[in-house]
Amino acid sequence: MVITFLLLAQAPALAAEGRWAVFELDTACEARTRSWRVVREPERQPRLTFSFAPGGEVMLHSRLRRTSRPRSTVTIAVDGQPFLLEARGADAWSKGNEQAIIAALRTASRLRVTATDRAGRRFTDYYPTDGVQTAIDGAAACAAKKAGNAGA
């Protein structure tokens, strides 16, 4: 069940726990989930992805269910602690705050992304936290292995 709702992934899942899964891609390893809200069009399904590159870079991507208003603020809140994301259309990206977000997720029980659409309406998508720690650690280990650091 976990794998089927995870964005109809093109890569096989390496591991899954709770509602998060780890995927190995050609250039990175990812920890992914989708929001509790299910939408009819799969390409508009809200989702979160932590992408780990073999060089150690980490990026958080949030697919929003609506196109964001230009120059508007998008936040990801972990147990109420907000972190700013950079919005580009229906996508939002971390701005160098990935490690702080990951640290907050270690003990989190609530996770949400809030944005403003082009019409000026705020909307929030809620995400599961069960399995997030295992998925993040698995994606980081996968990327380290790709980099040749099998002991990492």
C-alpha atoms as a PDB file:
ATOM      1  CA  MET A   1       0.000   0.000   0.000  1.00  0.00           C
ATOM      2  CA  VAL A   2       2.767   2.444   0.889  1.00  0.00           C
ATOM      3  CA  ILE A   3       4.474   2.063  -2.440  1.00  0.00           C
ATOM      4  CA  THR A   4       1.350   2.377  -4.581  1.00  0.00           C
ATOM      5  CA  PHE A   5       0.365   5.779  -3.265  1.00  0.00           C
ATOM      6  CA  LEU A   6       3.889   7.182  -3.346  1.00  0.00           C
ATOM      7  CA  LEU A   7       3.640   9.074  -6.571  1.00  0.00           C
ATOM      8  CA  LEU A   8       3.464   6.047  -8.801  1.00  0.00           C
ATOM      9  CA  ALA A   9       7.210   5.875  -8.416  1.00  0.00           C
ATOM     10  CA  GLN A  10       9.285   4.915 -11.410  1.00  0.00           C
ATOM     11  CA  ALA A  11      12.098   3.571  -9.240  1.00  0.00           C
ATOM     12  CA  PRO A  12      11.598   0.590  -6.935  1.00  0.00           C
ATOM     13  CA  ALA A  13      11.390   1.396  -3.247  1.00  0.00           C
ATOM     14  CA  LEU A  14      14.430   0.365  -1.216  1.00  0.00           C
ATOM     15  CA  ALA A  15      12.596   0.562   2.085  1.00  0.00           C
ATOM     16  CA  ALA A  16       9.304   1.717   3.522  1.00  0.00           C
ATOM     17  CA  GLU A  17       8.078   2.384   7.022  1.00  0.00           C
ATOM     18  CA  GLY A  18       4.827   3.980   8.030  1.00  0.00           C
ATOM     19  CA  ARG A  19       3.813   6.259   5.198  1.00  0.00           C
ATOM     20  CA  TRP A  20       7.326   7.146   3.992  1.00  0.00           C
ATOM     21  CA  ALA A  21       9.533   5.253   1.552  1.00  0.00           C
ATOM     22  CA  VAL A  22      13.097   5.414   0.217  1.00  0.00           C
ATOM     23  CA  PHE A  23      13.849   5.389  -3.511  1.00  0.00           C
ATOM     24  CA  GLU A  24      17.185   5.074  -5.285  1.00  0.00           C
ATOM     25  CA  LEU A  25      17.449   7.124  -8.483  1.00  0.00           C
ATOM     26  CA  ASP A  26      20.366   7.438 -10.897  1.00  0.00           C
ATOM     27  CA  THR A  27      21.669  10.674  -9.370  1.00  0.00           C
ATOM     28  CA  ALA A  28      20.217  10.732  -5.845  1.00  0.00           C
ATOM     29  CA  CYS A  29      18.316   8.854  -3.166  1.00  0.00           C
ATOM     30  CA  GLU A  30      14.976  10.136  -1.926  1.00  0.00           C
ATOM     31  CA  ALA A  31      12.713   9.895   1.113  1.00  0.00           C
ATOM     32  CA  ARG A  32       9.130  10.492  -0.071  1.00  0.00           C
ATOM     33  CA  THR A  33       5.580  10.744   1.189  1.00  0.00           C
ATOM     34  CA  ARG A  34       2.291  12.212   0.060  1.00  0.00           C
ATOM     35  CA  SER A  35      -0.160  14.356   1.983  1.00  0.00           C
ATOM     36  CA  TRP A  36      -3.131  12.912   3.805  1.00  0.00           C
ATOM     37  CA  ARG A  37      -5.341  14.718   1.261  1.00  0.00           C
ATOM     38  CA  VAL A  38      -5.723  12.643  -1.886  1.00  0.00           C
ATOM     39  CA  VAL A  39      -6.510  14.528  -5.090  1.00  0.00           C
ATOM     40  CA  ARG A  40      -7.946  13.117  -8.313  1.00  0.00           C
ATOM     41  CA  GLU A  41      -5.134  14.244 -10.604  1.00  0.00           C
ATOM     42  CA  PRO A  42      -1.912  12.396  -9.623  1.00  0.00           C
ATOM     43  CA  GLU A  43       0.292  15.200 -10.973  1.00  0.00           C
ATOM     44  CA  ARG A  44      -1.344  17.595  -8.476  1.00  0.00           C
ATOM     45  CA  GLN A  45      -0.944  15.260  -5.487  1.00  0.00           C
ATOM     46  CA  PRO A  46       0.745  17.176  -2.648  1.00  0.00           C
ATOM     47  CA  ARG A  47       3.957  15.439  -1.648  1.00  0.00           C
ATOM     48  CA  LEU A  48       7.240  15.929   0.165  1.00  0.00           C
ATOM     49  CA  THR A  49      10.612  14.669  -1.003  1.00  0.00           C
ATOM     50  CA  PHE A  50      13.986  14.847   0.722  1.00  0.00           C
ATOM     51  CA  SER A  51      16.611  14.306  -1.976  1.00  0.00           C
ATOM     52  CA  PHE A  52      20.127  13.252  -0.945  1.00  0.00           C
ATOM     53  CA  ALA A  53      22.915  13.560  -3.531  1.00  0.00           C
ATOM     54  CA  PRO A  54      26.077  11.421  -3.294  1.00  0.00           C
ATOM     55  CA  GLY A  55      28.105  14.599  -2.699  1.00  0.00           C
ATOM     56  CA  GLY A  56      26.242  15.271   0.543  1.00  0.00           C
ATOM     57  CA  GLU A  57      23.770  17.872  -0.724  1.00  0.00           C
ATOM     58  CA  VAL A  58      20.251  17.652   0.678  1.00  0.00           C
ATOM     59  CA  MET A  59      17.158  19.332  -0.773  1.00  0.00           C
ATOM     60  CA  LEU A  60      13.557  19.356   0.408  1.00  0.00           C
ATOM     61  CA  HIS A  61      10.910  19.661  -2.290  1.00  0.00           C
ATOM     62  CA  SER A  62       7.206  20.163  -1.671  1.00  0.00           C
ATOM     63  CA  ARG A  63       4.719  19.678  -4.480  1.00  0.00           C
ATOM     64  CA  LEU A  64       1.785  21.991  -3.745  1.00  0.00           C
ATOM     65  CA  ARG A  65      -1.768  21.108  -4.746  1.00  0.00           C
ATOM     66  CA  ARG A  66      -2.283  24.622  -6.104  1.00  0.00           C
ATOM     67  CA  THR A  67      -0.021  27.069  -7.912  1.00  0.00           C
ATOM     68  CA  SER A  68       1.390  29.533  -5.412  1.00  0.00           C
ATOM     69  CA  ARG A  69       1.006  33.277  -5.690  1.00  0.00           C
ATOM     70  CA  PRO A  70       4.182  34.925  -7.029  1.00  0.00           C
ATOM     71  CA  ARG A  71       6.457  36.193  -4.235  1.00  0.00           C
ATOM     72  CA  SER A  72       4.253  34.587  -1.572  1.00  0.00           C
ATOM     73  CA  THR A  73       5.529  32.738   1.465  1.00  0.00           C
ATOM     74  CA  VAL A  74       5.394  28.970   1.753  1.00  0.00           C
ATOM     75  CA  THR A  75       6.152  27.405   5.116  1.00  0.00           C
ATOM     76  CA  ILE A  76       6.669  23.894   6.336  1.00  0.00           C
ATOM     77  CA  ALA A  77       5.795  23.577  10.013  1.00  0.00           C
ATOM     78  CA  VAL A  78       7.158  20.732  12.117  1.00  0.00           C
ATOM     79  CA  ASP A  79       5.250  20.502  15.404  1.00  0.00           C
ATOM     80  CA  GLY A  80       4.376  24.167  14.910  1.00  0.00           C
ATOM     81  CA  GLN A  81       7.958  25.294  14.249  1.00  0.00           C
ATOM     82  CA  PRO A  82       7.901  27.112  10.875  1.00  0.00           C
ATOM     83  CA  PHE A  83      10.593  26.957   8.205  1.00  0.00           C
ATOM     84  CA  LEU A  84      10.468  29.078   5.048  1.00  0.00           C
ATOM     85  CA  LEU A  85      10.465  27.471   1.631  1.00  0.00           C
ATOM     86  CA  GLU A  86      11.047  29.151  -1.724  1.00  0.00           C
ATOM     87  CA  ALA A  87       7.961  28.913  -3.947  1.00  0.00           C
ATOM     88  CA  ARG A  88       8.084  28.446  -7.712  1.00  0.00           C
ATOM     89  CA  GLY A  89       4.638  27.822  -9.148  1.00  0.00           C
ATOM     90  CA  ALA A  90       3.232  24.610  -7.693  1.00  0.00           C
ATOM     91  CA  ASP A  91       6.581  23.679  -6.140  1.00  0.00           C
ATOM     92  CA  ALA A  92       8.457  24.867  -3.074  1.00  0.00           C
ATOM     93  CA  TRP A  93      12.083  24.191  -2.173  1.00  0.00           C
ATOM     94  CA  SER A  94      14.157  24.420   0.978  1.00  0.00           C
ATOM     95  CA  LYS A  95      16.452  27.401   1.309  1.00  0.00           C
ATOM     96  CA  GLY A  96      19.473  25.961   3.092  1.00  0.00           C
ATOM     97  CA  ASN A  97      17.472  24.985   6.181  1.00  0.00           C
ATOM     98  CA  GLU A  98      17.275  21.267   5.414  1.00  0.00           C
ATOM     99  CA  GLN A  99      19.317  20.077   8.401  1.00  0.00           C
ATOM    100  CA  ALA A 100      17.183  22.100  10.834  1.00  0.00           C
ATOM    101  CA  ILE A 101      14.014  20.642   9.304  1.00  0.00           C
ATOM    102  CA  ILE A 102      15.430  17.112   9.517  1.00  0.00           C
ATOM    103  CA  ALA A 103      16.460  17.658  13.147  1.00  0.00           C
ATOM    104  CA  ALA A 104      12.957  18.876  14.020  1.00  0.00           C
ATOM    105  CA  LEU A 105      11.409  15.860  12.276  1.00  0.00           C
ATOM    106  CA  ARG A 106      13.353  13.429  14.497  1.00  0.00           C
ATOM    107  CA  THR A 107      10.751  13.804  17.252  1.00  0.00           C
ATOM    108  CA  ALA A 108       7.849  15.322  15.315  1.00  0.00           C
ATOM    109  CA  SER A 109       4.230  14.295  15.516  1.00  0.00           C
ATOM    110  CA  ARG A 110       2.768  16.991  13.214  1.00  0.00           C
ATOM    111  CA  LEU A 111       3.873  18.150   9.767  1.00  0.00           C
ATOM    112  CA  ARG A 112       2.182  20.604   7.432  1.00  0.00           C
ATOM    113  CA  VAL A 113       2.891  22.878   4.464  1.00  0.00           C
ATOM    114  CA  THR A 114       0.994  26.166   4.117  1.00  0.00           C
ATOM    115  CA  ALA A 115       0.940  28.391   1.038  1.00  0.00           C
ATOM    116  CA  THR A 116      -1.146  31.052  -0.708  1.00  0.00           C
ATOM    117  CA  ASP A 117      -2.568  30.383  -4.156  1.00  0.00           C
ATOM    118  CA  ARG A 118      -2.794  32.822  -7.085  1.00  0.00           C
ATOM    119  CA  ALA A 119      -6.266  33.945  -5.937  1.00  0.00           C
ATOM    120  CA  GLY A 120      -4.873  34.900  -2.515  1.00  0.00           C
ATOM    121  CA  ARG A 121      -6.401  31.939  -0.643  1.00  0.00           C
ATOM    122  CA  ARG A 122      -4.291  30.210   1.980  1.00  0.00           C
ATOM    123  CA  PHE A 123      -4.243  26.437   1.934  1.00  0.00           C
ATOM    124  CA  THR A 124      -2.568  23.808   4.081  1.00  0.00           C
ATOM    125  CA  ASP A 125      -1.629  20.217   3.386  1.00  0.00           C
ATOM    126  CA  TYR A 126      -0.918  17.833   6.248  1.00  0.00           C
ATOM    127  CA  TYR A 127       1.630  15.025   6.090  1.00  0.00           C
ATOM    128  CA  PRO A 128       2.291  11.845   8.071  1.00  0.00           C
ATOM    129  CA  THR A 129       5.320  11.641  10.331  1.00  0.00           C
ATOM    130  CA  ASP A 130       5.279   7.882  10.932  1.00  0.00           C
ATOM    131  CA  GLY A 131       8.364   6.477   9.244  1.00  0.00           C
ATOM    132  CA  VAL A 132       9.986   9.816   8.385  1.00  0.00           C
ATOM    133  CA  GLN A 133      13.135   9.207  10.471  1.00  0.00           C
ATOM    134  CA  THR A 134      13.766   5.794   8.940  1.00  0.00           C
ATOM    135  CA  ALA A 135      13.173   7.097   5.414  1.00  0.00           C
ATOM    136  CA  ILE A 136      15.500  10.083   5.857  1.00  0.00           C
ATOM    137  CA  ASP A 137      18.230   7.896   7.356  1.00  0.00           C
ATOM    138  CA  GLY A 138      17.755   5.321   4.597  1.00  0.00           C
ATOM    139  CA  ALA A 139      18.001   7.919   1.832  1.00  0.00           C
ATOM    140  CA  ALA A 140      21.118   9.442   3.424  1.00  0.00           C
ATOM    141  CA  ALA A 141      22.752   5.996   3.698  1.00  0.00           C
ATOM    142  CA  CYS A 142      21.815   5.199   0.101  1.00  0.00           C
ATOM    143  CA  ALA A 143      23.446   8.443  -1.104  1.00  0.00           C
ATOM    144  CA  ALA A 144      26.567   7.777   0.977  1.00  0.00           C
ATOM    145  CA  LYS A 145      26.828   4.318  -0.578  1.00  0.00           C
ATOM    146  CA  LYS A 146      26.508   5.865  -4.054  1.00  0.00           C
ATOM    147  CA  ALA A 147      29.383   8.178  -3.142  1.00  0.00           C
ATOM    148  CA  GLY A 148      31.531   5.170  -2.240  1.00  0.00           C
ATOM    149  CA  ASN A 149      31.202   5.592   1.516  1.00  0.00           C
ATOM    150  CA  ALA A 150      29.790   2.154   2.241  1.00  0.00           C
ATOM    151  CA  GLY A 151      30.631   2.512   5.934  1.00  0.00           C
ATOM    152  CA  ALA A 152      28.574   5.694   6.295  1.00  0.00           C
END
